[in-house]
Amino acid sequence: MIKLQNLSYGYNRKVKTLQDITAEIGSGIHLLVGENGAGKTTLLHLMGGLRYPRSGSCELDGTPMRQRHPSEMCRVQFFGDGMEFPASTIKEMVKVHSPFFPRFDREMLKRNLHAFGINENDKLSRMSLGTRRKAHLSYMLALRCDALLLDEPTNGLDINSKQTFSRMLVECVSPEQTVIVSTHTPADLESLYDSIIVLSHGKLLLNMNIDEITSHIAFVTQNTTDADILYSEPSFGLQRCIIANTDKSIESQLDFELLYNALHGNSIQAILNCLKS
């Protein structure tokens, strides 16, 4: 369990990147979204113990991450867009890095690399950006950390590789693990998310389970708009709409893009009020 309590952070004293964030994030695969500069990467850094909060706290199962205890740091791993491994091959990375992670699964790594068609002896420097990314993700999943923090993990992957990575997440992530995926393209893995965390301008707008969201609001496509619609967008002559699921009788899939747009527009309060009802 990751627990954030009144968490704030700023790169200087005048401007706060994150403001008074309180949330609990349990096991499962969670989507983290927000506009550019919303504070997503900073939040992941704080969760991973890579930055110290200005105020408030970030705890992993009751232990403050700012203390950076080795016993806790081996339970969490951050991987961000543009990061490179301090090793020439995945095999070398296993030798120098994996001993610090007691749950590392070599067989899982072999399966992951095989799924992507990568050899552990291949030079990372000679790989294309996308192939190197696949090698990195294969290794990160095999660490089997309690908390895995992924910042734009599918950047550089082609369509087939994104599908392979999606299947890999299903196979590799245990029910006890917490995986947070920060991305601007939620559709890549949308069938896997258990909850959504929405940031905007450093503030937490929403942290809610997908099933709970769809029990309060429904996502429908229709040819008219009416007073009962909380938010709508035109789409090929129809309207993609968010409506109140008052009697919880409407079954629908969560439209991540539509919900995100609604929470960043004039309908935000109506949506939030409906989700709290």
C-alpha atoms as a PDB file:
ATOM      1  CA  MET A   1       0.000   0.000   0.000  1.00  0.00           C
ATOM      2  CA  ILE A   2       1.303   3.430  -0.991  1.00  0.00           C
ATOM      3  CA  LYS A   3      -0.084   6.134   1.274  1.00  0.00           C
ATOM      4  CA  LEU A   4       0.237   9.841   0.495  1.00  0.00           C
ATOM      5  CA  GLN A   5      -0.668  12.242   3.297  1.00  0.00           C
ATOM      6  CA  ASN A   6      -0.838  16.011   2.618  1.00  0.00           C
ATOM      7  CA  LEU A   7       2.086  15.566   0.212  1.00  0.00           C
ATOM      8  CA  SER A   8       3.553  18.737  -1.306  1.00  0.00           C
ATOM      9  CA  TYR A   9       6.666  19.367  -3.366  1.00  0.00           C
ATOM     10  CA  GLY A  10       8.248  22.292  -5.194  1.00  0.00           C
ATOM     11  CA  TYR A  11      11.431  22.725  -7.188  1.00  0.00           C
ATOM     12  CA  ASN A  12      11.734  26.154  -5.620  1.00  0.00           C
ATOM     13  CA  ARG A  13      10.164  27.854  -2.598  1.00  0.00           C
ATOM     14  CA  LYS A  14       7.741  29.988  -4.609  1.00  0.00           C
ATOM     15  CA  VAL A  15       6.086  27.396  -6.858  1.00  0.00           C
ATOM     16  CA  LYS A  16       4.608  24.092  -5.698  1.00  0.00           C
ATOM     17  CA  THR A  17       4.667  21.313  -8.286  1.00  0.00           C
ATOM     18  CA  LEU A  18       2.421  19.157  -6.097  1.00  0.00           C
ATOM     19  CA  GLN A  19      -0.013  20.538  -3.543  1.00  0.00           C
ATOM     20  CA  ASP A  20      -1.459  18.760  -0.507  1.00  0.00           C
ATOM     21  CA  ILE A  21      -2.065  15.337  -2.072  1.00  0.00           C
ATOM     22  CA  THR A  22      -3.718  12.680   0.063  1.00  0.00           C
ATOM     23  CA  ALA A  23      -4.421   9.243  -1.383  1.00  0.00           C
ATOM     24  CA  GLU A  24      -4.092   5.512  -0.802  1.00  0.00           C
ATOM     25  CA  ILE A  25      -3.019   3.265  -3.672  1.00  0.00           C
ATOM     26  CA  GLY A  26      -3.252  -0.472  -3.112  1.00  0.00           C
ATOM     27  CA  SER A  27      -2.374  -3.475  -5.214  1.00  0.00           C
ATOM     28  CA  GLY A  28      -3.312  -3.608  -8.889  1.00  0.00           C
ATOM     29  CA  ILE A  29      -2.453  -1.713 -12.058  1.00  0.00           C
ATOM     30  CA  HIS A  30      -3.245   1.990 -11.844  1.00  0.00           C
ATOM     31  CA  LEU A  31      -3.354   4.664 -14.537  1.00  0.00           C
ATOM     32  CA  LEU A  32      -1.833   8.066 -13.708  1.00  0.00           C
ATOM     33  CA  VAL A  33      -2.813  10.895 -16.079  1.00  0.00           C
ATOM     34  CA  GLY A  34      -2.552  14.673 -16.223  1.00  0.00           C
ATOM     35  CA  GLU A  35      -1.553  17.470 -18.543  1.00  0.00           C
ATOM     36  CA  ASN A  36       2.089  18.299 -19.262  1.00  0.00           C
ATOM     37  CA  GLY A  37       3.551  19.760 -16.092  1.00  0.00           C
ATOM     38  CA  ALA A  38       0.786  18.357 -13.868  1.00  0.00           C
ATOM     39  CA  GLY A  39       3.376  16.724 -11.598  1.00  0.00           C
ATOM     40  CA  LYS A  40       3.062  13.070 -12.644  1.00  0.00           C
ATOM     41  CA  THR A  41       6.784  12.296 -12.885  1.00  0.00           C
ATOM     42  CA  THR A  42       7.505  14.224  -9.699  1.00  0.00           C
ATOM     43  CA  LEU A  43       4.853  12.205  -7.877  1.00  0.00           C
ATOM     44  CA  LEU A  44       6.412   8.940  -9.094  1.00  0.00           C
ATOM     45  CA  HIS A  45       9.834  10.174  -7.952  1.00  0.00           C
ATOM     46  CA  LEU A  46       8.437  10.851  -4.472  1.00  0.00           C
ATOM     47  CA  MET A  47       6.790   7.429  -4.346  1.00  0.00           C
ATOM     48  CA  GLY A  48      10.088   5.839  -5.328  1.00  0.00           C
ATOM     49  CA  GLY A  49      12.102   7.709  -2.702  1.00  0.00           C
ATOM     50  CA  LEU A  50      14.001   9.633  -5.377  1.00  0.00           C
ATOM     51  CA  ARG A  51      12.883  13.036  -4.057  1.00  0.00           C
ATOM     52  CA  TYR A  52      12.054  14.359  -0.597  1.00  0.00           C
ATOM     53  CA  PRO A  53       8.643  16.004  -0.027  1.00  0.00           C
ATOM     54  CA  ARG A  54       8.596  19.618   1.118  1.00  0.00           C
ATOM     55  CA  SER A  55       5.775  18.699   3.471  1.00  0.00           C
ATOM     56  CA  GLY A  56       3.555  15.719   4.141  1.00  0.00           C
ATOM     57  CA  SER A  57       4.599  12.121   3.668  1.00  0.00           C
ATOM     58  CA  CYS A  58       4.776   9.204   1.258  1.00  0.00           C
ATOM     59  CA  GLU A  59       4.789   5.754   2.842  1.00  0.00           C
ATOM     60  CA  LEU A  60       5.124   2.219   1.517  1.00  0.00           C
ATOM     61  CA  ASP A  61       3.345  -0.135   3.919  1.00  0.00           C
ATOM     62  CA  GLY A  62       3.882   2.329   6.755  1.00  0.00           C
ATOM     63  CA  THR A  63       7.549   3.120   6.077  1.00  0.00           C
ATOM     64  CA  PRO A  64       8.355   6.693   4.933  1.00  0.00           C
ATOM     65  CA  MET A  65      10.107   6.514   1.558  1.00  0.00           C
ATOM     66  CA  ARG A  66      12.180   9.595   2.358  1.00  0.00           C
ATOM     67  CA  GLN A  67      14.215   7.481   4.799  1.00  0.00           C
ATOM     68  CA  ARG A  68      15.528   5.437   1.849  1.00  0.00           C
ATOM     69  CA  HIS A  69      16.106   2.296   3.902  1.00  0.00           C
ATOM     70  CA  PRO A  70      17.773  -0.397   1.753  1.00  0.00           C
ATOM     71  CA  SER A  71      15.137  -2.854   2.989  1.00  0.00           C
ATOM     72  CA  GLU A  72      12.441  -0.627   1.469  1.00  0.00           C
ATOM     73  CA  MET A  73      14.259   0.625  -1.639  1.00  0.00           C
ATOM     74  CA  CYS A  74      14.515  -2.959  -2.915  1.00  0.00           C
ATOM     75  CA  ARG A  75      10.709  -3.131  -2.835  1.00  0.00           C
ATOM     76  CA  VAL A  76      10.096  -0.254  -5.229  1.00  0.00           C
ATOM     77  CA  GLN A  77      11.500   0.638  -8.657  1.00  0.00           C
ATOM     78  CA  PHE A  78      10.984   3.658 -10.905  1.00  0.00           C
ATOM     79  CA  PHE A  79      11.541   3.509 -14.656  1.00  0.00           C
ATOM     80  CA  GLY A  80      11.152   6.681 -16.671  1.00  0.00           C
ATOM     81  CA  ASP A  81      11.133   7.750 -20.278  1.00  0.00           C
ATOM     82  CA  GLY A  82      14.700   8.261 -21.506  1.00  0.00           C
ATOM     83  CA  MET A  83      16.359   6.317 -18.684  1.00  0.00           C
ATOM     84  CA  GLU A  84      19.286   4.092 -19.616  1.00  0.00           C
ATOM     85  CA  PHE A  85      20.735   1.089 -17.822  1.00  0.00           C
ATOM     86  CA  PRO A  86      24.254   1.354 -16.315  1.00  0.00           C
ATOM     87  CA  ALA A  87      25.272  -1.845 -18.111  1.00  0.00           C
ATOM     88  CA  SER A  88      26.147  -2.840 -21.662  1.00  0.00           C
ATOM     89  CA  THR A  89      23.795  -5.841 -21.829  1.00  0.00           C
ATOM     90  CA  ILE A  90      20.820  -7.224 -19.910  1.00  0.00           C
ATOM     91  CA  LYS A  91      23.034 -10.092 -18.742  1.00  0.00           C
ATOM     92  CA  GLU A  92      25.459  -7.598 -17.208  1.00  0.00           C
ATOM     93  CA  MET A  93      22.533  -5.703 -15.646  1.00  0.00           C
ATOM     94  CA  VAL A  94      21.411  -8.918 -13.958  1.00  0.00           C
ATOM     95  CA  LYS A  95      24.904  -9.404 -12.546  1.00  0.00           C
ATOM     96  CA  VAL A  96      25.389  -5.899 -11.110  1.00  0.00           C
ATOM     97  CA  HIS A  97      21.845  -4.812 -10.293  1.00  0.00           C
ATOM     98  CA  SER A  98      19.528  -7.750  -9.589  1.00  0.00           C
ATOM     99  CA  PRO A  99      21.330  -8.907  -6.374  1.00  0.00           C
ATOM    100  CA  PHE A 100      19.798  -5.889  -4.641  1.00  0.00           C
ATOM    101  CA  PHE A 101      16.298  -7.193  -5.451  1.00  0.00           C
ATOM    102  CA  PRO A 102      15.620 -10.464  -3.588  1.00  0.00           C
ATOM    103  CA  ARG A 103      12.486 -11.322  -5.581  1.00  0.00           C
ATOM    104  CA  PHE A 104      14.174 -11.072  -8.985  1.00  0.00           C
ATOM    105  CA  ASP A 105      12.932 -13.870 -11.252  1.00  0.00           C
ATOM    106  CA  ARG A 106      15.479 -14.966 -13.855  1.00  0.00           C
ATOM    107  CA  GLU A 107      13.021 -17.315 -15.561  1.00  0.00           C
ATOM    108  CA  MET A 108      10.506 -14.515 -15.926  1.00  0.00           C
ATOM    109  CA  LEU A 109      13.198 -12.361 -17.504  1.00  0.00           C
ATOM    110  CA  LYS A 110      14.030 -15.109 -20.007  1.00  0.00           C
ATOM    111  CA  ARG A 111      10.355 -15.449 -20.962  1.00  0.00           C
ATOM    112  CA  ASN A 112       9.971 -11.693 -21.348  1.00  0.00           C
ATOM    113  CA  LEU A 113      13.063 -11.320 -23.519  1.00  0.00           C
ATOM    114  CA  HIS A 114      11.989 -14.300 -25.644  1.00  0.00           C
ATOM    115  CA  ALA A 115       8.532 -12.738 -26.160  1.00  0.00           C
ATOM    116  CA  PHE A 116      10.245  -9.654 -27.569  1.00  0.00           C
ATOM    117  CA  GLY A 117      12.850 -11.620 -29.535  1.00  0.00           C
ATOM    118  CA  ILE A 118      15.798 -10.247 -27.553  1.00  0.00           C
ATOM    119  CA  ASN A 119      18.955 -12.045 -26.410  1.00  0.00           C
ATOM    120  CA  GLU A 120      20.349 -11.112 -22.991  1.00  0.00           C
ATOM    121  CA  ASN A 121      23.832 -10.840 -24.516  1.00  0.00           C
ATOM    122  CA  ASP A 122      22.778  -8.275 -27.133  1.00  0.00           C
ATOM    123  CA  LYS A 123      24.459  -4.882 -26.757  1.00  0.00           C
ATOM    124  CA  LEU A 124      21.939  -2.311 -25.562  1.00  0.00           C
ATOM    125  CA  SER A 125      23.839   0.445 -27.362  1.00  0.00           C
ATOM    126  CA  ARG A 126      23.317  -1.290 -30.713  1.00  0.00           C
ATOM    127  CA  MET A 127      19.556  -1.672 -30.283  1.00  0.00           C
ATOM    128  CA  SER A 128      16.975   0.671 -31.735  1.00  0.00           C
ATOM    129  CA  LEU A 129      15.119   2.881 -29.253  1.00  0.00           C
ATOM    130  CA  GLY A 130      12.076   0.599 -29.314  1.00  0.00           C
ATOM    131  CA  THR A 131      14.063  -2.623 -28.883  1.00  0.00           C
ATOM    132  CA  ARG A 132      16.098  -1.146 -26.040  1.00  0.00           C
ATOM    133  CA  ARG A 133      12.833  -0.100 -24.402  1.00  0.00           C
ATOM    134  CA  LYS A 134      11.527  -3.661 -24.657  1.00  0.00           C
ATOM    135  CA  ALA A 135      14.693  -5.002 -23.039  1.00  0.00           C
ATOM    136  CA  HIS A 136      14.364  -2.486 -20.196  1.00  0.00           C
ATOM    137  CA  LEU A 137      10.710  -3.358 -19.548  1.00  0.00           C
ATOM    138  CA  SER A 138      11.449  -7.089 -19.627  1.00  0.00           C
ATOM    139  CA  TYR A 139      13.989  -6.620 -16.874  1.00  0.00           C
ATOM    140  CA  MET A 140      11.885  -4.220 -14.776  1.00  0.00           C
ATOM    141  CA  LEU A 141       8.968  -6.643 -14.599  1.00  0.00           C
ATOM    142  CA  ALA A 142      11.304  -9.500 -13.637  1.00  0.00           C
ATOM    143  CA  LEU A 143      12.476  -7.579 -10.542  1.00  0.00           C
ATOM    144  CA  ARG A 144       9.022  -8.367  -9.087  1.00  0.00           C
ATOM    145  CA  CYS A 145       9.052  -5.293  -6.853  1.00  0.00           C
ATOM    146  CA  ASP A 146       6.126  -4.647  -4.543  1.00  0.00           C
ATOM    147  CA  ALA A 147       5.702  -1.286  -6.267  1.00  0.00           C
ATOM    148  CA  LEU A 148       6.695  -0.663  -9.895  1.00  0.00           C
ATOM    149  CA  LEU A 149       6.450   2.922 -11.151  1.00  0.00           C
ATOM    150  CA  LEU A 150       6.448   3.256 -14.952  1.00  0.00           C
ATOM    151  CA  ASP A 151       6.624   6.649 -16.661  1.00  0.00           C
ATOM    152  CA  GLU A 152       5.472   6.429 -20.321  1.00  0.00           C
ATOM    153  CA  PRO A 153       6.457   2.748 -20.632  1.00  0.00           C
ATOM    154  CA  THR A 154       5.072   2.246 -24.161  1.00  0.00           C
ATOM    155  CA  ASN A 155       6.934   5.176 -25.747  1.00  0.00           C
ATOM    156  CA  GLY A 156       8.857   3.904 -28.765  1.00  0.00           C
ATOM    157  CA  LEU A 157       6.974   0.593 -28.996  1.00  0.00           C
ATOM    158  CA  ASP A 158       5.200  -0.432 -32.196  1.00  0.00           C
ATOM    159  CA  ILE A 159       1.621  -1.749 -32.167  1.00  0.00           C
ATOM    160  CA  ASN A 160       2.570  -5.440 -31.877  1.00  0.00           C
ATOM    161  CA  SER A 161       5.075  -4.702 -29.121  1.00  0.00           C
ATOM    162  CA  LYS A 162       2.457  -2.781 -27.142  1.00  0.00           C
ATOM    163  CA  GLN A 163       0.168  -5.797 -27.358  1.00  0.00           C
ATOM    164  CA  THR A 164       3.002  -8.078 -26.231  1.00  0.00           C
ATOM    165  CA  PHE A 165       3.752  -5.783 -23.303  1.00  0.00           C
ATOM    166  CA  SER A 166       0.064  -5.776 -22.342  1.00  0.00           C
ATOM    167  CA  ARG A 167       0.042  -9.585 -22.216  1.00  0.00           C
ATOM    168  CA  MET A 168       3.318  -9.498 -20.310  1.00  0.00           C
ATOM    169  CA  LEU A 169       1.799  -7.306 -17.594  1.00  0.00           C
ATOM    170  CA  VAL A 170      -1.054  -9.775 -17.152  1.00  0.00           C
ATOM    171  CA  GLU A 171       1.369 -12.688 -16.852  1.00  0.00           C
ATOM    172  CA  CYS A 172       4.033 -11.025 -14.702  1.00  0.00           C
ATOM    173  CA  VAL A 173       2.170  -8.828 -12.219  1.00  0.00           C
ATOM    174  CA  SER A 174       0.934 -10.709  -9.162  1.00  0.00           C
ATOM    175  CA  PRO A 175      -2.231  -9.716  -7.254  1.00  0.00           C
ATOM    176  CA  GLU A 176      -0.078  -8.359  -4.413  1.00  0.00           C
ATOM    177  CA  GLN A 177       1.954  -5.950  -6.553  1.00  0.00           C
ATOM    178  CA  THR A 178       1.233  -2.276  -7.170  1.00  0.00           C
ATOM    179  CA  VAL A 179       1.989  -0.968 -10.662  1.00  0.00           C
ATOM    180  CA  ILE A 180       1.441   2.697 -11.526  1.00  0.00           C
ATOM    181  CA  VAL A 181       1.577   3.644 -15.193  1.00  0.00           C
ATOM    182  CA  SER A 182       1.901   7.311 -16.076  1.00  0.00           C
ATOM    183  CA  THR A 183       1.045   7.932 -19.733  1.00  0.00           C
ATOM    184  CA  HIS A 184      -0.537  10.287 -22.248  1.00  0.00           C
ATOM    185  CA  THR A 185      -1.812   7.291 -24.236  1.00  0.00           C
ATOM    186  CA  PRO A 186      -4.045   5.319 -21.848  1.00  0.00           C
ATOM    187  CA  ALA A 187      -5.625   3.360 -24.718  1.00  0.00           C
ATOM    188  CA  ASP A 188      -2.446   1.255 -25.024  1.00  0.00           C
ATOM    189  CA  LEU A 189      -3.258  -0.669 -21.826  1.00  0.00           C
ATOM    190  CA  GLU A 190      -6.798   0.453 -21.045  1.00  0.00           C
ATOM    191  CA  SER A 191      -8.200  -3.058 -20.454  1.00  0.00           C
ATOM    192  CA  LEU A 192      -5.723  -3.636 -17.598  1.00  0.00           C
ATOM    193  CA  TYR A 193      -6.290  -0.667 -15.314  1.00  0.00           C
ATOM    194  CA  ASP A 194      -7.929  -1.203 -11.935  1.00  0.00           C
ATOM    195  CA  SER A 195      -8.106   2.485 -11.052  1.00  0.00           C
ATOM    196  CA  ILE A 196      -7.358   5.945 -12.401  1.00  0.00           C
ATOM    197  CA  ILE A 197      -5.430   8.752 -10.706  1.00  0.00           C
ATOM    198  CA  VAL A 198      -5.915  12.204 -12.246  1.00  0.00           C
ATOM    199  CA  LEU A 199      -3.641  15.177 -11.545  1.00  0.00           C
ATOM    200  CA  SER A 200      -4.086  18.737 -12.740  1.00  0.00           C
ATOM    201  CA  HIS A 201      -1.785  21.662 -11.979  1.00  0.00           C
ATOM    202  CA  GLY A 202      -0.261  19.816  -9.058  1.00  0.00           C
ATOM    203  CA  LYS A 203      -3.560  18.885  -7.428  1.00  0.00           C
ATOM    204  CA  LEU A 204      -5.264  15.513  -7.150  1.00  0.00           C
ATOM    205  CA  LEU A 205      -8.609  15.533  -8.961  1.00  0.00           C
ATOM    206  CA  LEU A 206      -9.495  11.869  -8.721  1.00  0.00           C
ATOM    207  CA  ASN A 207      -8.240   8.571  -7.319  1.00  0.00           C
ATOM    208  CA  MET A 208     -10.908   5.924  -7.821  1.00  0.00           C
ATOM    209  CA  ASN A 209     -11.445   2.310  -8.777  1.00  0.00           C
ATOM    210  CA  ILE A 210     -12.748   1.766 -12.326  1.00  0.00           C
ATOM    211  CA  ASP A 211     -15.731  -0.314 -11.201  1.00  0.00           C
ATOM    212  CA  GLU A 212     -16.672   2.353  -8.675  1.00  0.00           C
ATOM    213  CA  ILE A 213     -16.563   5.047 -11.351  1.00  0.00           C
ATOM    214  CA  THR A 214     -18.809   3.127 -13.730  1.00  0.00           C
ATOM    215  CA  SER A 215     -21.266   2.440 -10.926  1.00  0.00           C
ATOM    216  CA  HIS A 216     -21.806   6.204 -10.558  1.00  0.00           C
ATOM    217  CA  ILE A 217     -21.498   7.430 -14.142  1.00  0.00           C
ATOM    218  CA  ALA A 218     -21.981   5.761 -17.523  1.00  0.00           C
ATOM    219  CA  PHE A 219     -20.282   6.329 -20.856  1.00  0.00           C
ATOM    220  CA  VAL A 220     -22.669   6.136 -23.814  1.00  0.00           C
ATOM    221  CA  THR A 221     -22.857   7.175 -27.458  1.00  0.00           C
ATOM    222  CA  GLN A 222     -26.115   8.655 -28.718  1.00  0.00           C
ATOM    223  CA  ASN A 223     -27.438  11.009 -31.372  1.00  0.00           C
ATOM    224  CA  THR A 224     -28.887  13.678 -29.093  1.00  0.00           C
ATOM    225  CA  THR A 225     -27.901  15.728 -26.079  1.00  0.00           C
ATOM    226  CA  ASP A 226     -30.254  16.436 -23.211  1.00  0.00           C
ATOM    227  CA  ALA A 227     -30.295  17.975 -19.772  1.00  0.00           C
ATOM    228  CA  ASP A 228     -29.253  14.733 -18.069  1.00  0.00           C
ATOM    229  CA  ILE A 229     -25.880  14.672 -19.794  1.00  0.00           C
ATOM    230  CA  LEU A 230     -22.962  15.645 -17.572  1.00  0.00           C
ATOM    231  CA  TYR A 231     -20.489  16.000 -20.440  1.00  0.00           C
ATOM    232  CA  SER A 232     -20.452  15.276 -24.168  1.00  0.00           C
ATOM    233  CA  GLU A 233     -18.231  15.503 -27.227  1.00  0.00           C
ATOM    234  CA  PRO A 234     -19.201  15.155 -30.909  1.00  0.00           C
ATOM    235  CA  SER A 235     -17.958  12.025 -32.681  1.00  0.00           C
ATOM    236  CA  PHE A 236     -18.787  11.197 -36.315  1.00  0.00           C
ATOM    237  CA  GLY A 237     -22.262  12.717 -36.175  1.00  0.00           C
ATOM    238  CA  LEU A 238     -23.024  11.266 -32.719  1.00  0.00           C
ATOM    239  CA  GLN A 239     -22.300  12.361 -29.159  1.00  0.00           C
ATOM    240  CA  ARG A 240     -19.949  10.591 -26.754  1.00  0.00           C
ATOM    241  CA  CYS A 241     -21.575  11.301 -23.418  1.00  0.00           C
ATOM    242  CA  ILE A 242     -21.127  10.915 -19.685  1.00  0.00           C
ATOM    243  CA  ILE A 243     -24.401  10.505 -17.824  1.00  0.00           C
ATOM    244  CA  ALA A 244     -25.345   9.783 -14.237  1.00  0.00           C
ATOM    245  CA  ASN A 245     -25.817   6.085 -13.564  1.00  0.00           C
ATOM    246  CA  THR A 246     -28.478   6.915 -10.993  1.00  0.00           C
ATOM    247  CA  ASP A 247     -29.924   3.457 -10.390  1.00  0.00           C
ATOM    248  CA  LYS A 248     -26.666   1.674 -11.342  1.00  0.00           C
ATOM    249  CA  SER A 249     -28.504  -0.148 -14.126  1.00  0.00           C
ATOM    250  CA  ILE A 250     -26.295   0.947 -17.039  1.00  0.00           C
ATOM    251  CA  GLU A 251     -23.288  -1.208 -17.830  1.00  0.00           C
ATOM    252  CA  SER A 252     -20.561   0.608 -19.747  1.00  0.00           C
ATOM    253  CA  GLN A 253     -16.829   0.646 -20.279  1.00  0.00           C
ATOM    254  CA  LEU A 254     -14.899   3.589 -18.907  1.00  0.00           C
ATOM    255  CA  ASP A 255     -13.888   6.016 -21.659  1.00  0.00           C
ATOM    256  CA  PHE A 256     -10.576   7.280 -20.277  1.00  0.00           C
ATOM    257  CA  GLU A 257     -10.181  10.099 -22.790  1.00  0.00           C
ATOM    258  CA  LEU A 258     -13.722  11.365 -22.291  1.00  0.00           C
ATOM    259  CA  LEU A 259     -13.422  11.303 -18.495  1.00  0.00           C
ATOM    260  CA  TYR A 260     -10.069  13.074 -18.635  1.00  0.00           C
ATOM    261  CA  ASN A 261     -11.485  15.832 -20.862  1.00  0.00           C
ATOM    262  CA  ALA A 262     -14.524  16.216 -18.619  1.00  0.00           C
ATOM    263  CA  LEU A 263     -12.346  16.615 -15.517  1.00  0.00           C
ATOM    264  CA  HIS A 264     -10.320  19.324 -17.245  1.00  0.00           C
ATOM    265  CA  GLY A 265     -13.337  21.288 -18.483  1.00  0.00           C
ATOM    266  CA  ASN A 266     -16.370  23.116 -17.160  1.00  0.00           C
ATOM    267  CA  SER A 267     -18.067  19.848 -16.180  1.00  0.00           C
ATOM    268  CA  ILE A 268     -15.548  18.919 -13.507  1.00  0.00           C
ATOM    269  CA  GLN A 269     -17.710  19.774 -10.500  1.00  0.00           C
ATOM    270  CA  ALA A 270     -20.774  18.004 -11.868  1.00  0.00           C
ATOM    271  CA  ILE A 271     -18.700  14.879 -12.534  1.00  0.00           C
ATOM    272  CA  LEU A 272     -17.051  14.920  -9.108  1.00  0.00           C
ATOM    273  CA  ASN A 273     -20.377  15.487  -7.352  1.00  0.00           C
ATOM    274  CA  CYS A 274     -21.860  12.532  -9.186  1.00  0.00           C
ATOM    275  CA  LEU A 275     -18.901  10.294  -8.291  1.00  0.00           C
ATOM    276  CA  LYS A 276     -19.256  11.223  -4.620  1.00  0.00           C
ATOM    277  CA  SER A 277     -22.999  10.599  -4.510  1.00  0.00           C
END
